[in-house]
Amino acid sequence: MNLWQLLLFRLGLRPDPGLRTYELDEDLHLALEDLAIRERRPAGDLAADLLASALADRSTAEEAWQRWRTLSPREQDAAALACLGYTNRQAAVRLGVSAETVKTHLHNALAKFGLHGKAELRLLLGEWDFSAWEETTAKYR
């Protein structure tokens, strides 16, 4: 923004060209206003924080998806079953392999995600729906 634009903006004669506005439907607007009142914060600040948080969550989810795509099919099977709460032995039975093989696939999957254990994997992928793996992996038994 040049000096002339800044002066016009400061005098209230022009909107800030760097300022972005977004339309909200009535229900969302009311929810935002209600939350702002409860938190005793300006609605604009709250909206900016919520948007920043949502964008960060979206970025994390996209990164997780990209990493998931680097897993081999068997690593995906082992990781999905781990997220469903199966032990290595239970996953091995479902997949028709040894528990040691499942452990190896999980180790490789965790390394690709930069994680140290199943609990971290469950936290990262906690909102993903792995229910299809229950049906898919049943065919290996």
Protein backbone atom coordinates (compact mmCIF):
# COMPACT_ATOMS: atom_id res chain seq x y z
CA MET A 1 0.00 0.00 0.00
CA ASN A 2 1.47 3.34 -0.97
CA LEU A 3 1.35 6.48 1.18
CA TRP A 4 -1.65 7.95 -0.66
CA GLN A 5 -3.72 4.75 -0.19
CA LEU A 6 -2.72 4.62 3.47
CA LEU A 7 -3.79 8.23 3.99
CA LEU A 8 -7.18 7.62 2.35
CA PHE A 9 -7.63 4.52 4.47
CA ARG A 10 -6.75 6.40 7.69
CA LEU A 11 -9.25 9.11 6.80
CA GLY A 12 -11.92 6.45 6.35
CA LEU A 13 -12.35 7.21 2.67
CA ARG A 14 -11.17 3.82 1.40
CA PRO A 15 -11.20 0.33 2.83
CA ASP A 16 -7.89 -1.30 3.62
CA PRO A 17 -7.05 -3.29 0.47
CA GLY A 18 -5.22 -5.82 2.63
CA LEU A 19 -8.31 -6.43 4.74
CA ARG A 20 -10.34 -9.44 3.66
CA THR A 21 -13.96 -9.92 4.56
CA TYR A 22 -16.03 -13.05 4.30
CA GLU A 23 -19.76 -13.61 4.32
CA LEU A 24 -21.25 -15.80 7.04
CA ASP A 25 -24.69 -17.33 6.96
CA GLU A 26 -27.01 -16.16 9.73
CA ASP A 27 -26.67 -19.26 11.93
CA LEU A 28 -22.88 -19.16 11.80
CA HIS A 29 -22.87 -15.43 12.48
CA LEU A 30 -25.11 -15.86 15.52
CA ALA A 31 -22.98 -18.72 16.84
CA LEU A 32 -19.84 -16.64 16.43
CA GLU A 33 -21.39 -13.64 18.19
CA ASP A 34 -22.64 -15.85 21.03
CA LEU A 35 -19.22 -17.44 21.52
CA ALA A 36 -17.53 -14.03 21.40
CA ILE A 37 -19.84 -12.76 24.14
CA ARG A 38 -19.21 -15.84 26.30
CA GLU A 39 -15.45 -15.51 25.85
CA ARG A 40 -15.58 -11.71 26.23
CA ARG A 41 -13.61 -11.24 23.03
CA PRO A 42 -14.19 -9.21 19.90
CA ALA A 43 -15.98 -11.35 17.31
CA GLY A 44 -13.40 -10.43 14.65
CA ASP A 45 -10.51 -11.64 16.80
CA LEU A 46 -12.35 -14.85 17.64
CA ALA A 47 -13.20 -15.45 13.97
CA ALA A 48 -9.56 -14.96 12.99
CA ASP A 49 -8.39 -17.40 15.69
CA LEU A 50 -10.97 -19.99 14.70
CA LEU A 51 -10.07 -19.70 11.04
CA ALA A 52 -6.35 -19.99 11.79
CA SER A 53 -6.99 -23.07 13.92
CA ALA A 54 -9.15 -24.69 11.25
CA LEU A 55 -6.53 -24.01 8.57
CA ALA A 56 -3.81 -25.53 10.78
CA ASP A 57 -5.99 -28.60 11.37
CA ARG A 58 -6.64 -28.90 7.65
CA SER A 59 -2.92 -28.68 6.92
CA THR A 60 -2.17 -31.39 9.49
CA ALA A 61 -4.86 -33.62 8.01
CA GLU A 62 -3.52 -33.10 4.49
CA GLU A 63 0.01 -33.92 5.63
CA ALA A 64 -1.24 -37.08 7.34
CA TRP A 65 -3.07 -38.10 4.15
CA GLN A 66 0.07 -37.55 2.05
CA ARG A 67 2.08 -39.70 4.46
CA TRP A 68 -0.63 -42.38 4.46
CA ARG A 69 -0.30 -42.61 0.70
CA THR A 70 3.40 -43.51 1.10
CA LEU A 71 2.53 -46.64 3.10
CA SER A 72 2.49 -50.01 1.40
CA PRO A 73 -0.89 -51.78 1.33
CA ARG A 74 0.22 -54.09 4.17
CA GLU A 75 1.50 -51.16 6.22
CA GLN A 76 -1.90 -49.52 5.71
CA ASP A 77 -3.63 -52.72 6.85
CA ALA A 78 -1.50 -52.96 9.98
CA ALA A 79 -1.90 -49.26 10.79
CA ALA A 80 -5.67 -49.33 10.22
CA LEU A 81 -6.11 -52.37 12.45
CA ALA A 82 -3.94 -50.73 15.12
CA CYS A 83 -6.18 -47.65 14.95
CA LEU A 84 -9.20 -49.93 15.38
CA GLY A 85 -7.64 -51.21 18.61
CA TYR A 86 -6.40 -54.60 17.42
CA THR A 87 -3.31 -56.06 19.07
CA ASN A 88 -0.47 -57.20 16.82
CA ARG A 89 -1.53 -60.82 17.40
CA GLN A 90 -5.17 -60.08 16.51
CA ALA A 91 -4.11 -58.14 13.42
CA ALA A 92 -1.83 -61.01 12.42
CA VAL A 93 -4.74 -63.45 12.53
CA ARG A 94 -6.89 -61.12 10.42
CA LEU A 95 -4.11 -60.61 7.88
CA GLY A 96 -2.91 -64.23 7.79
CA VAL A 97 0.66 -63.31 8.78
CA SER A 98 2.77 -63.58 11.92
CA ALA A 99 2.59 -61.09 14.76
CA GLU A 100 6.24 -60.27 14.03
CA THR A 101 5.32 -59.32 10.45
CA VAL A 102 2.56 -57.03 11.74
CA LYS A 103 5.06 -55.51 14.17
CA THR A 104 7.45 -54.83 11.25
CA HIS A 105 4.70 -53.25 9.12
CA LEU A 106 3.65 -51.06 12.06
CA HIS A 107 7.24 -50.07 12.77
CA ASN A 108 7.66 -49.00 9.13
CA ALA A 109 4.35 -47.11 9.13
CA LEU A 110 5.19 -45.30 12.37
CA ALA A 111 8.59 -44.33 10.97
CA LYS A 112 6.96 -42.85 7.86
CA PHE A 113 4.67 -40.77 10.09
CA GLY A 114 7.53 -39.83 12.43
CA LEU A 115 5.72 -41.40 15.39
CA HIS A 116 6.86 -43.63 18.23
CA GLY A 117 3.86 -45.79 19.03
CA LYS A 118 0.33 -46.91 18.29
CA ALA A 119 -1.13 -44.39 20.72
CA GLU A 120 0.38 -41.51 18.74
CA LEU A 121 -0.92 -43.04 15.52
CA ARG A 122 -4.43 -43.33 17.01
CA LEU A 123 -4.27 -39.68 18.08
CA LEU A 124 -3.11 -38.49 14.67
CA LEU A 125 -5.65 -40.53 12.72
CA GLY A 126 -8.36 -40.57 15.39
CA GLU A 127 -10.99 -38.95 13.18
CA TRP A 128 -10.44 -41.31 10.26
CA ASP A 129 -12.96 -44.07 9.61
CA PHE A 130 -11.20 -47.43 9.39
CA SER A 131 -14.35 -49.55 9.63
CA ALA A 132 -13.90 -50.80 6.05
CA TRP A 133 -10.71 -52.57 7.16
CA GLU A 134 -12.75 -54.85 9.42
CA GLU A 135 -14.55 -56.21 6.36
CA THR A 136 -11.56 -56.10 3.99
CA THR A 137 -9.11 -57.85 6.28
CA ALA A 138 -11.65 -60.54 7.23
CA LYS A 139 -11.10 -62.11 3.79
CA TYR A 140 -7.50 -62.96 4.73
CA ARG A 141 -8.60 -65.20 7.57
